[in-house]
Amino acid sequence: MQRPVFSLLLVQVAVACCLASSTIAQGPLPTTSADDRALARSILKELIEINTTDTPRGNVTTATAAMQKRFLDAGFPAQDVQLLGPDPRKQNLVVRMRAAGSPTQKPVLFLCHMDVVEALPSDWTTDPFQLVEKDGYFYGRGTQDMKEGDAALVATFLRLHQEGYKPRRDLIIALTADEEGGRFNGAGWLVEHHRELVDAAFVINPDSGGIELEHSRALVADVGATEKIYSDFQITALNRGGHSSVPRPDNAIYELTAALNKLAAYSFPFELNAVTRAYFATLAERESGQMAADLKAILATPPDPAAETRLRVEPSFNSNMRTTCVATRLNAGVANNALPQTAQAIVNCRIFPGHSPEEIRRQLISIFADEKLSVKYVSDAGEVLDTAPDRTSIAPPAPISEVFEPLTNLVNLLWPGTPVIAEMENGASDSIYFAQAGIPCYGFSAVALERDDERAHGRDERLPVDSYWKSLDFFHSFARDLGGQ
């Protein structure tokens, strides 16, 4: 089956050409003023403290309408600040900064989702829906995924407007619903129903990519070039049940947990593609000792199984080497004194490019090896289906100089000496909807995080305060560079 190709040589040539021909200033990067930081902090606080989960308590429209008000209050024309969507609670905001004169180039789109996953206050040491600043971090649901990017880009657009900046091409920001799940995905809906509002030469998606830190040292600047396919599967065990005083070995819970234990012990086959091979090759040059040796060993032909085994202990490495599937939800039984008649689990898979959800569904059936279990696909809309789609991931776009030139220059100014490399996003993002429409997508968050402190979707999600300030510096210059003068 076809694998996506994104050659490291292409990246190196593109970046080298960009640096050689760059007309972007190489002097000190203008930093965000105290007033601009205060505005950006207030936007982040407002967004964090609006619950945008896909629950009865959540409401994306409350957040997008709040941002709409900020743009209108700043003087953006009403026709360029459009709030729209298929559901009253899931309205998307599309804001356009108009070019001066008649632009000859298509717009640049910044794609930002506004929804977040659920967070239970009882699980956290802070209130997940309050922005808390302590010990050099911002805490709150969405500080890593991805209200920090939403806030930074809203602040960037407002700052550019206040400065009287007039680009040579339109700049667009789309703040959308249901990237994390739900029936009304905003990115897909806009592409399908309002392509004219979001049509662009290319998309910058801050939902992937960024700066990898190790003990405060910047290792690499990742640019999202391809990504896995997100898929959910419902695993069901059925039983006639009965009185709990007469336990039986064919208990539905026992059957389900036996299957999940098999999955936990199973490792999908090791594989690399051009993107992950280039990523690990660059890391090998930045690391030392056993780590560097192991990274080089998995790139050999054939790869060294012992090196791969040592590396897979690091969860992010393991996810870059294979498809992963993990149980995320369980439900069983109706009473404390009754044997369960039904036991169900949701297994979430992140599928390596080149494989389809239906292929993985069949592989799960093989792993469980229990004909009494059913394995069904759960669509984004929550429909439970007997089979899964046969689609595979979209091949990544070639690097283009108008993206990589300013990005590389700015990375060198903010994190000197840090190489810019393509990466495979272990999760999935809304880039897929634009990629399927033929619009190139590049993922870069401009956020620097320690490799072992990624807390997106987890407890006590947090963002280094300094990292947020640097992302403001980056996006202000990056947007100006992409828009032209």
Protein backbone atom coordinates (compact mmCIF):
# COMPACT_ATOMS: atom_id res chain seq x y z
CA MET A 1 0.00 0.00 0.00
CA GLN A 2 1.18 3.52 -0.74
CA ARG A 3 3.01 5.40 1.99
CA PRO A 4 3.15 9.22 2.11
CA VAL A 5 6.46 10.74 1.04
CA PHE A 6 8.01 13.87 2.51
CA SER A 7 11.71 13.78 1.77
CA LEU A 8 14.20 15.10 4.29
CA LEU A 9 16.29 16.19 1.32
CA LEU A 10 13.42 18.34 0.09
CA VAL A 11 13.11 19.94 3.50
CA GLN A 12 16.84 20.60 3.73
CA VAL A 13 17.02 22.01 0.20
CA ALA A 14 13.93 24.17 0.72
CA VAL A 15 15.19 25.53 4.01
CA ALA A 16 18.71 26.10 2.68
CA CYS A 17 17.36 27.99 -0.33
CA CYS A 18 15.09 30.00 1.94
CA LEU A 19 17.94 31.02 4.20
CA ALA A 20 20.20 31.89 1.28
CA SER A 21 17.61 34.11 -0.39
CA SER A 22 15.90 35.48 2.71
CA THR A 23 14.95 39.13 2.75
CA ILE A 24 13.58 38.94 6.29
CA ALA A 25 15.46 40.95 8.86
CA GLN A 26 17.98 38.90 10.80
CA GLY A 27 18.34 41.39 13.65
CA PRO A 28 16.75 41.13 17.10
CA LEU A 29 13.16 39.98 16.99
CA PRO A 30 10.72 42.67 18.19
CA THR A 31 9.23 41.46 21.46
CA THR A 32 5.64 41.86 22.54
CA SER A 33 5.07 44.92 24.74
CA ALA A 34 3.69 44.73 28.27
CA ASP A 35 0.35 46.07 27.02
CA ASP A 36 0.21 43.47 24.24
CA ARG A 37 1.06 40.72 26.71
CA ALA A 38 -1.69 41.92 29.03
CA LEU A 39 -4.19 41.76 26.17
CA ALA A 40 -3.03 38.30 25.15
CA ARG A 41 -3.26 37.10 28.76
CA SER A 42 -6.79 38.44 29.08
CA ILE A 43 -7.80 36.61 25.89
CA LEU A 44 -6.26 33.36 27.14
CA LYS A 45 -8.00 33.77 30.50
CA GLU A 46 -11.36 34.43 28.84
CA LEU A 47 -11.06 31.37 26.60
CA ILE A 48 -9.86 29.01 29.34
CA GLU A 49 -12.72 30.07 31.59
CA ILE A 50 -15.40 29.37 28.96
CA ASN A 51 -16.27 25.67 29.01
CA THR A 52 -16.15 24.49 25.39
CA THR A 53 -16.40 20.74 26.01
CA ASP A 54 -18.84 18.59 24.06
CA THR A 55 -21.04 18.20 27.14
CA PRO A 56 -24.29 19.81 28.34
CA ARG A 57 -22.13 22.30 30.26
CA GLY A 58 -20.01 23.21 27.26
CA ASN A 59 -20.74 25.80 24.60
CA VAL A 60 -18.33 26.69 21.80
CA THR A 61 -20.53 29.56 20.63
CA THR A 62 -20.04 31.38 23.93
CA ALA A 63 -16.30 31.45 23.18
CA THR A 64 -16.49 32.29 19.48
CA ALA A 65 -19.07 35.03 20.15
CA ALA A 66 -16.76 36.51 22.79
CA MET A 67 -13.94 36.63 20.24
CA GLN A 68 -16.30 38.08 17.62
CA LYS A 69 -17.05 40.95 20.03
CA ARG A 70 -13.34 41.63 20.48
CA PHE A 71 -12.82 41.90 16.72
CA LEU A 72 -15.87 44.10 16.17
CA ASP A 73 -14.91 46.34 19.10
CA ALA A 74 -11.44 46.70 17.54
CA GLY A 75 -12.98 48.01 14.31
CA PHE A 76 -12.98 44.96 12.02
CA PRO A 77 -15.81 45.32 9.46
CA ALA A 78 -18.83 43.19 10.36
CA GLN A 79 -18.78 41.44 6.97
CA ASP A 80 -15.26 40.20 7.76
CA VAL A 81 -16.21 38.76 11.16
CA GLN A 82 -18.67 35.94 10.49
CA LEU A 83 -20.18 33.67 13.12
CA LEU A 84 -21.81 30.64 11.54
CA GLY A 85 -22.38 26.92 11.90
CA PRO A 86 -24.93 24.10 11.78
CA ASP A 87 -25.77 24.11 15.50
CA PRO A 88 -26.54 26.99 17.90
CA ARG A 89 -23.96 25.73 20.43
CA LYS A 90 -21.29 25.00 17.81
CA GLN A 91 -20.87 28.27 15.88
CA ASN A 92 -17.55 28.87 14.13
CA LEU A 93 -15.89 32.27 13.79
CA VAL A 94 -14.14 33.25 10.55
CA VAL A 95 -12.25 36.57 10.55
CA ARG A 96 -10.60 38.05 7.48
CA MET A 97 -7.92 40.73 7.47
CA ARG A 98 -8.25 42.32 4.05
CA ALA A 99 -5.28 42.95 1.78
CA ALA A 100 -4.48 46.43 0.57
CA GLY A 101 -5.58 46.90 -3.04
CA SER A 102 -6.29 43.89 -5.21
CA PRO A 103 -4.35 40.85 -3.98
CA THR A 104 -2.71 38.61 -6.56
CA GLN A 105 -2.15 35.73 -4.13
CA LYS A 106 -4.68 33.51 -2.41
CA PRO A 107 -5.17 34.02 1.36
CA VAL A 108 -3.33 32.37 4.23
CA LEU A 109 -5.57 30.55 6.71
CA PHE A 110 -4.77 30.02 10.39
CA LEU A 111 -6.89 27.10 11.62
CA CYS A 112 -7.68 26.92 15.34
CA HIS A 113 -10.19 24.70 17.11
CA MET A 114 -11.95 26.10 20.17
CA ASP A 115 -13.31 22.95 21.79
CA VAL A 116 -11.51 21.06 24.56
CA VAL A 117 -11.92 17.64 26.12
CA GLU A 118 -13.75 17.21 29.41
CA ALA A 119 -11.89 17.89 32.67
CA LEU A 120 -13.25 16.91 36.07
CA PRO A 121 -12.34 19.40 38.84
CA SER A 122 -12.04 16.49 41.29
CA ASP A 123 -9.12 15.13 39.24
CA TRP A 124 -7.15 18.39 39.18
CA THR A 125 -5.17 20.32 41.77
CA THR A 126 -6.58 23.54 40.27
CA ASP A 127 -9.95 24.37 38.71
CA PRO A 128 -9.52 23.27 35.07
CA PHE A 129 -11.82 26.05 33.88
CA GLN A 130 -9.96 28.84 35.66
CA LEU A 131 -6.67 30.25 34.38
CA VAL A 132 -4.23 29.84 37.24
CA GLU A 133 -0.69 31.21 37.05
CA LYS A 134 1.80 29.68 39.45
CA ASP A 135 5.44 28.61 39.47
CA GLY A 136 6.01 29.95 35.96
CA TYR A 137 3.09 28.09 34.36
CA PHE A 138 -0.44 28.81 33.18
CA TYR A 139 -2.76 25.99 34.33
CA GLY A 140 -6.15 25.25 32.78
CA ARG A 141 -7.91 23.02 30.29
CA GLY A 142 -6.75 24.04 26.84
CA THR A 143 -3.43 25.62 27.83
CA GLN A 144 -1.71 23.03 25.62
CA ASP A 145 -4.57 21.92 23.35
CA MET A 146 -5.18 24.46 21.99
CA LYS A 147 -6.56 27.63 23.49
CA GLU A 148 -3.04 28.95 23.81
CA GLY A 149 -2.83 28.98 19.99
CA ASP A 150 -6.34 30.42 19.68
CA ALA A 151 -5.51 33.25 22.07
CA ALA A 152 -2.09 33.96 20.54
CA LEU A 153 -3.53 34.30 17.05
CA VAL A 154 -6.55 36.35 18.12
CA ALA A 155 -4.12 38.68 19.91
CA THR A 156 -1.90 38.74 16.81
CA PHE A 157 -4.74 39.75 14.49
CA LEU A 158 -5.90 42.45 16.91
CA ARG A 159 -2.36 43.78 17.30
CA LEU A 160 -1.74 43.89 13.54
CA HIS A 161 -5.03 45.73 13.05
CA GLN A 162 -4.15 48.25 15.76
CA GLU A 163 -0.77 48.84 14.10
CA GLY A 164 -2.50 49.60 10.81
CA TYR A 165 -0.84 46.67 9.07
CA LYS A 166 -2.05 46.10 5.50
CA PRO A 167 -1.05 42.74 4.02
CA ARG A 168 -0.59 42.05 0.32
CA ARG A 169 -2.84 39.01 0.62
CA ASP A 170 -5.79 38.32 2.89
CA LEU A 171 -5.10 36.69 6.25
CA ILE A 172 -7.86 34.53 7.73
CA ILE A 173 -8.32 32.99 11.16
CA ALA A 174 -10.96 30.29 11.68
CA LEU A 175 -11.98 29.38 15.23
CA THR A 176 -13.90 26.12 14.95
CA ALA A 177 -15.95 23.55 16.88
CA ASP A 178 -15.75 19.82 17.49
CA GLU A 179 -12.17 18.95 16.58
CA GLU A 180 -11.95 16.86 19.76
CA GLY A 181 -15.18 15.03 18.91
CA GLY A 182 -18.84 15.74 18.37
CA ARG A 183 -21.34 15.85 15.54
CA PHE A 184 -20.59 19.30 14.14
CA ASN A 185 -16.94 19.50 13.14
CA GLY A 186 -16.45 23.12 12.16
CA ALA A 187 -13.49 22.72 9.83
CA GLY A 188 -15.21 20.07 7.75
CA TRP A 189 -18.47 22.03 7.72
CA LEU A 190 -16.77 25.23 6.54
CA VAL A 191 -14.92 23.43 3.74
CA GLU A 192 -18.12 21.73 2.59
CA HIS A 193 -20.61 24.58 2.96
CA HIS A 194 -18.60 27.82 2.92
CA ARG A 195 -15.43 27.09 0.99
CA GLU A 196 -15.32 30.74 -0.15
CA LEU A 197 -14.71 31.87 3.44
CA VAL A 198 -11.78 29.56 4.12
CA ASP A 199 -10.26 28.92 0.70
CA ALA A 200 -6.54 29.55 0.95
CA ALA A 201 -3.16 28.98 -0.66
CA PHE A 202 -2.18 27.00 2.42
CA VAL A 203 -3.15 26.42 6.05
CA ILE A 204 -1.12 27.00 9.20
CA ASN A 205 -2.51 24.81 11.97
CA PRO A 206 -1.09 25.45 15.48
CA ASP A 207 -2.69 22.20 16.67
CA SER A 208 0.54 20.34 15.90
CA GLY A 209 4.26 20.95 15.72
CA GLY A 210 6.29 23.12 18.07
CA ILE A 211 9.56 23.14 19.96
CA GLU A 212 10.69 19.98 21.76
CA LEU A 213 12.65 20.76 24.93
CA GLU A 214 14.83 18.47 27.00
CA HIS A 215 15.87 20.01 30.31
CA SER A 216 15.18 23.48 28.84
CA ARG A 217 17.35 22.78 25.78
CA ALA A 218 15.59 23.11 22.43
CA LEU A 219 16.15 19.90 20.48
CA VAL A 220 14.09 20.34 17.33
CA ALA A 221 11.35 22.53 15.88
CA ASP A 222 8.70 20.14 14.60
CA VAL A 223 6.51 21.08 11.64
CA GLY A 224 3.49 18.82 11.29
CA ALA A 225 3.70 17.27 7.80
CA THR A 226 1.52 14.19 8.13
CA GLU A 227 -0.60 12.66 10.85
CA LYS A 228 -2.23 9.49 11.99
CA ILE A 229 -5.89 8.62 11.46
CA TYR A 230 -8.13 8.85 14.51
CA SER A 231 -10.58 5.96 14.97
CA ASP A 232 -12.81 4.71 17.79
CA PHE A 233 -14.03 1.14 18.14
CA GLN A 234 -16.73 -0.27 20.40
CA ILE A 235 -15.92 -3.65 21.90
CA THR A 236 -18.94 -5.50 23.30
CA ALA A 237 -19.30 -8.69 25.35
CA LEU A 238 -22.83 -10.07 25.85
CA ASN A 239 -24.00 -12.58 28.45
CA ARG A 240 -27.27 -13.88 29.91
CA GLY A 241 -26.29 -12.41 33.30
CA GLY A 242 -27.75 -13.79 36.52
CA HIS A 243 -27.54 -13.53 40.28
CA SER A 244 -24.17 -12.40 41.65
CA SER A 245 -24.35 -15.09 44.37
CA VAL A 246 -23.70 -17.66 41.64
CA PRO A 247 -20.67 -16.31 39.76
CA ARG A 248 -19.70 -17.87 36.46
CA PRO A 249 -16.44 -17.77 34.47
CA ASP A 250 -18.27 -16.53 31.37
CA ASN A 251 -19.01 -13.20 33.07
CA ALA A 252 -19.22 -10.44 30.41
CA ILE A 253 -16.74 -8.28 32.33
CA TYR A 254 -14.23 -11.14 32.46
CA GLU A 255 -14.55 -11.70 28.72
CA LEU A 256 -14.10 -8.01 27.95
CA THR A 257 -11.14 -7.48 30.28
CA ALA A 258 -9.44 -10.60 28.92
CA ALA A 259 -9.63 -9.04 25.46
CA LEU A 260 -8.33 -5.68 26.70
CA ASN A 261 -5.44 -7.40 28.47
CA LYS A 262 -4.49 -9.01 25.15
CA LEU A 263 -4.55 -5.57 23.54
CA ALA A 264 -2.41 -4.07 26.32
CA ALA A 265 0.18 -6.79 25.79
CA TYR A 266 0.15 -6.44 22.02
CA SER A 267 2.46 -4.14 20.07
CA PHE A 268 1.55 -3.23 16.52
CA PRO A 269 4.38 -3.78 14.04
CA PHE A 270 7.29 -1.34 13.96
CA GLU A 271 7.35 0.84 10.85
CA LEU A 272 8.79 4.09 9.59
CA ASN A 273 7.90 6.36 6.70
CA ALA A 274 9.88 9.16 5.07
CA VAL A 275 8.68 11.71 7.64
CA THR A 276 9.42 9.68 10.75
CA ARG A 277 12.72 8.43 9.31
CA ALA A 278 13.85 12.03 8.74
CA TYR A 279 12.63 12.99 12.21
CA PHE A 280 14.60 10.25 13.97
CA ALA A 281 17.67 10.91 11.82
CA THR A 282 17.71 14.54 12.94
CA LEU A 283 17.18 13.58 16.58
CA ALA A 284 20.08 11.12 16.34
CA GLU A 285 22.39 14.02 15.50
CA ARG A 286 21.10 16.04 18.48
CA GLU A 287 21.28 13.24 21.05
CA SER A 288 24.28 11.44 22.51
CA GLY A 289 25.23 8.12 24.11
CA GLN A 290 22.85 5.17 24.05
CA MET A 291 19.95 7.30 22.83
CA ALA A 292 21.84 8.45 19.74
CA ALA A 293 23.09 4.91 19.08
CA ASP A 294 19.58 3.46 19.34
CA LEU A 295 18.09 6.10 17.06
CA LYS A 296 20.69 5.31 14.41
CA ALA A 297 20.15 1.57 14.90
CA ILE A 298 16.42 1.72 14.11
CA LEU A 299 17.26 3.54 10.88
CA ALA A 300 19.55 0.74 9.75
CA THR A 301 18.53 -1.98 7.30
CA PRO A 302 17.31 -4.11 8.92
CA PRO A 303 16.42 -2.08 12.04
CA ASP A 304 17.78 -3.32 15.36
CA PRO A 305 14.90 -4.84 17.41
CA ALA A 306 16.74 -4.34 20.71
CA ALA A 307 17.18 -0.62 20.00
CA GLU A 308 13.51 -0.30 19.06
CA THR A 309 12.51 -2.04 22.30
CA ARG A 310 14.55 0.43 24.37
CA LEU A 311 13.20 3.45 22.50
CA ARG A 312 9.55 2.44 22.72
CA VAL A 313 9.68 3.03 26.48
CA GLU A 314 9.40 6.73 25.60
CA PRO A 315 5.67 7.06 24.74
CA SER A 316 6.15 9.71 22.07
CA PHE A 317 8.77 7.59 20.30
CA ASN A 318 6.58 4.50 20.51
CA SER A 319 3.67 6.38 18.92
CA ASN A 320 5.91 7.51 16.07
CA MET A 321 6.85 3.92 15.26
CA ARG A 322 3.50 2.17 14.94
CA THR A 323 -0.25 2.22 15.15
CA THR A 324 -1.42 2.46 18.75
CA CYS A 325 -4.73 1.39 20.29
CA VAL A 326 -5.78 1.87 23.90
CA ALA A 327 -8.97 1.37 25.91
CA THR A 328 -10.31 4.76 27.04
CA ARG A 329 -13.82 4.02 28.38
CA LEU A 330 -15.58 1.14 30.13
CA ASN A 331 -19.24 0.45 30.87
CA ALA A 332 -20.79 -2.68 32.34
CA GLY A 333 -23.57 -3.95 34.54
CA VAL A 334 -26.83 -2.54 35.90
CA ALA A 335 -26.71 -3.48 39.60
CA ASN A 336 -24.21 -4.38 42.32
CA ASN A 337 -25.85 -7.75 42.92
CA ALA A 338 -26.25 -8.89 39.32
CA LEU A 339 -23.88 -10.41 36.83
CA PRO A 340 -23.51 -8.04 33.88
CA GLN A 341 -25.39 -8.89 30.72
CA THR A 342 -23.41 -6.35 28.69
CA ALA A 343 -19.87 -5.05 29.05
CA GLN A 344 -18.51 -2.50 26.63
CA ALA A 345 -15.28 -0.64 26.07
CA ILE A 346 -14.21 2.10 23.70
CA VAL A 347 -10.81 1.50 22.15
CA ASN A 348 -9.20 4.55 20.62
CA CYS A 349 -6.69 3.96 17.82
CA ARG A 350 -4.21 6.32 16.17
CA ILE A 351 -3.47 4.62 12.88
CA PHE A 352 -0.10 4.86 11.17
CA PRO A 353 -0.31 6.44 7.69
CA GLY A 354 -1.00 3.89 4.99
CA HIS A 355 -3.43 1.78 7.03
CA SER A 356 -7.20 2.15 7.08
CA PRO A 357 -9.63 2.03 10.03
CA GLU A 358 -11.25 -1.09 8.58
CA GLU A 359 -7.85 -2.82 8.39
CA ILE A 360 -7.26 -2.05 12.07
CA ARG A 361 -10.80 -3.14 13.05
CA ARG A 362 -10.07 -6.54 11.51
CA GLN A 363 -6.71 -6.64 13.27
CA LEU A 364 -8.40 -6.01 16.62
CA ILE A 365 -10.72 -8.96 15.95
CA SER A 366 -7.64 -11.09 15.31
CA ILE A 367 -5.91 -9.88 18.48
CA PHE A 368 -8.95 -10.61 20.67
CA ALA A 369 -9.55 -14.01 19.03
CA ASP A 370 -12.95 -14.30 20.69
CA GLU A 371 -15.91 -14.80 18.41
CA LYS A 372 -18.28 -13.87 21.24
CA LEU A 373 -17.03 -10.27 21.13
CA SER A 374 -18.22 -7.72 18.60
CA VAL A 375 -15.86 -5.01 17.30
CA LYS A 376 -17.65 -2.08 15.68
CA TYR A 377 -16.57 1.31 14.39
CA VAL A 378 -17.79 4.50 16.08
CA SER A 379 -18.05 7.46 13.71
CA ASP A 380 -17.28 11.08 14.63
CA ALA A 381 -21.04 11.62 14.91
CA GLY A 382 -21.31 8.74 17.41
CA GLU A 383 -22.88 6.22 15.04
CA VAL A 384 -21.93 2.59 15.74
CA LEU A 385 -21.27 0.78 12.46
CA ASP A 386 -20.44 -2.80 11.58
CA THR A 387 -17.52 -1.77 9.35
CA ALA A 388 -15.07 1.11 9.29
CA PRO A 389 -13.94 3.38 6.43
CA ASP A 390 -11.27 2.16 4.03
CA ARG A 391 -9.66 5.63 3.75
CA THR A 392 -5.99 6.14 4.51
CA SER A 393 -4.12 9.32 5.40
CA ILE A 394 -3.43 12.09 2.92
CA ALA A 395 0.10 12.35 1.53
CA PRO A 396 1.89 15.35 3.07
CA PRO A 397 2.52 18.48 0.97
CA ALA A 398 5.93 19.50 -0.29
CA PRO A 399 7.66 22.23 1.73
CA ILE A 400 7.21 25.67 0.20
CA SER A 401 9.59 28.57 0.67
CA GLU A 402 6.95 31.15 1.63
CA VAL A 403 6.21 29.04 4.73
CA PHE A 404 9.61 27.59 5.58
CA GLU A 405 11.66 30.72 4.96
CA PRO A 406 10.06 32.91 7.64
CA LEU A 407 9.43 29.96 9.94
CA THR A 408 13.06 28.87 9.87
CA ASN A 409 14.37 32.40 10.33
CA LEU A 410 12.09 33.07 13.28
CA VAL A 411 12.92 29.76 14.95
CA ASN A 412 16.61 30.65 14.64
CA LEU A 413 15.97 34.02 16.30
CA LEU A 414 13.86 32.65 19.16
CA TRP A 415 15.59 29.29 19.66
CA PRO A 416 19.06 29.72 18.07
CA GLY A 417 20.55 26.67 16.38
CA THR A 418 17.38 24.57 16.57
CA PRO A 419 16.80 22.55 13.38
CA VAL A 420 13.40 22.70 11.69
CA ILE A 421 12.20 19.24 10.68
CA ALA A 422 9.02 17.59 9.43
CA GLU A 423 7.17 15.35 11.87
CA MET A 424 4.27 12.95 11.92
CA GLU A 425 1.59 14.11 14.34
CA ASN A 426 0.80 11.21 16.66
CA GLY A 427 -2.75 12.40 17.08
CA ALA A 428 -5.01 13.82 14.42
CA SER A 429 -6.19 17.31 13.57
CA ASP A 430 -8.61 19.27 11.43
CA SER A 431 -5.91 19.63 8.77
CA ILE A 432 -7.35 16.49 7.18
CA TYR A 433 -10.42 18.36 5.90
CA PHE A 434 -8.32 20.93 4.07
CA ALA A 435 -5.80 18.36 2.84
CA GLN A 436 -8.68 16.36 1.33
CA ALA A 437 -9.78 19.57 -0.41
CA GLY A 438 -6.32 19.97 -1.95
CA ILE A 439 -5.09 22.78 0.33
CA PRO A 440 -1.59 22.21 1.77
CA CYS A 441 -1.43 22.21 5.59
CA TYR A 442 1.52 22.80 7.88
CA GLY A 443 1.37 22.35 11.65
CA PHE A 444 3.34 24.64 13.95
CA SER A 445 2.27 25.86 17.40
CA ALA A 446 5.33 28.02 18.27
CA VAL A 447 5.01 26.56 21.77
CA ALA A 448 8.02 25.08 23.54
CA LEU A 449 7.31 22.14 25.84
CA GLU A 450 9.44 19.65 27.70
CA ARG A 451 9.19 16.29 25.97
CA ASP A 452 8.06 14.63 29.21
CA ASP A 453 5.56 17.33 30.20
CA GLU A 454 2.93 17.04 27.51
CA ARG A 455 -0.38 17.17 29.40
CA ALA A 456 -2.93 17.75 26.64
CA HIS A 457 -6.16 15.88 27.50
CA GLY A 458 -4.66 15.08 30.90
CA ARG A 459 -4.71 16.24 34.51
CA ASP A 460 -3.25 19.64 35.44
CA GLU A 461 -2.69 20.69 31.84
CA ARG A 462 -0.22 23.56 31.84
CA LEU A 463 1.83 25.88 29.67
CA PRO A 464 5.09 27.64 30.56
CA VAL A 465 4.33 31.36 30.78
CA ASP A 466 7.52 32.22 28.89
CA SER A 467 6.52 29.82 26.13
CA TYR A 468 3.25 31.70 25.64
CA TRP A 469 5.08 35.04 25.40
CA LYS A 470 7.45 33.61 22.81
CA SER A 471 4.54 32.29 20.74
CA LEU A 472 3.19 35.86 20.61
CA ASP A 473 6.55 37.13 19.34
CA PHE A 474 6.61 34.35 16.75
CA PHE A 475 3.09 34.72 15.38
CA HIS A 476 3.23 38.51 15.15
CA SER A 477 6.29 38.33 12.89
CA PHE A 478 5.19 35.14 11.12
CA ALA A 479 1.79 36.57 10.15
CA ARG A 480 3.43 39.73 8.84
CA ASP A 481 5.92 37.70 6.84
CA LEU A 482 3.22 35.47 5.34
CA GLY A 483 0.98 38.42 4.56
CA GLY A 484 3.71 40.56 3.06
CA GLN A 485 3.85 44.33 3.26
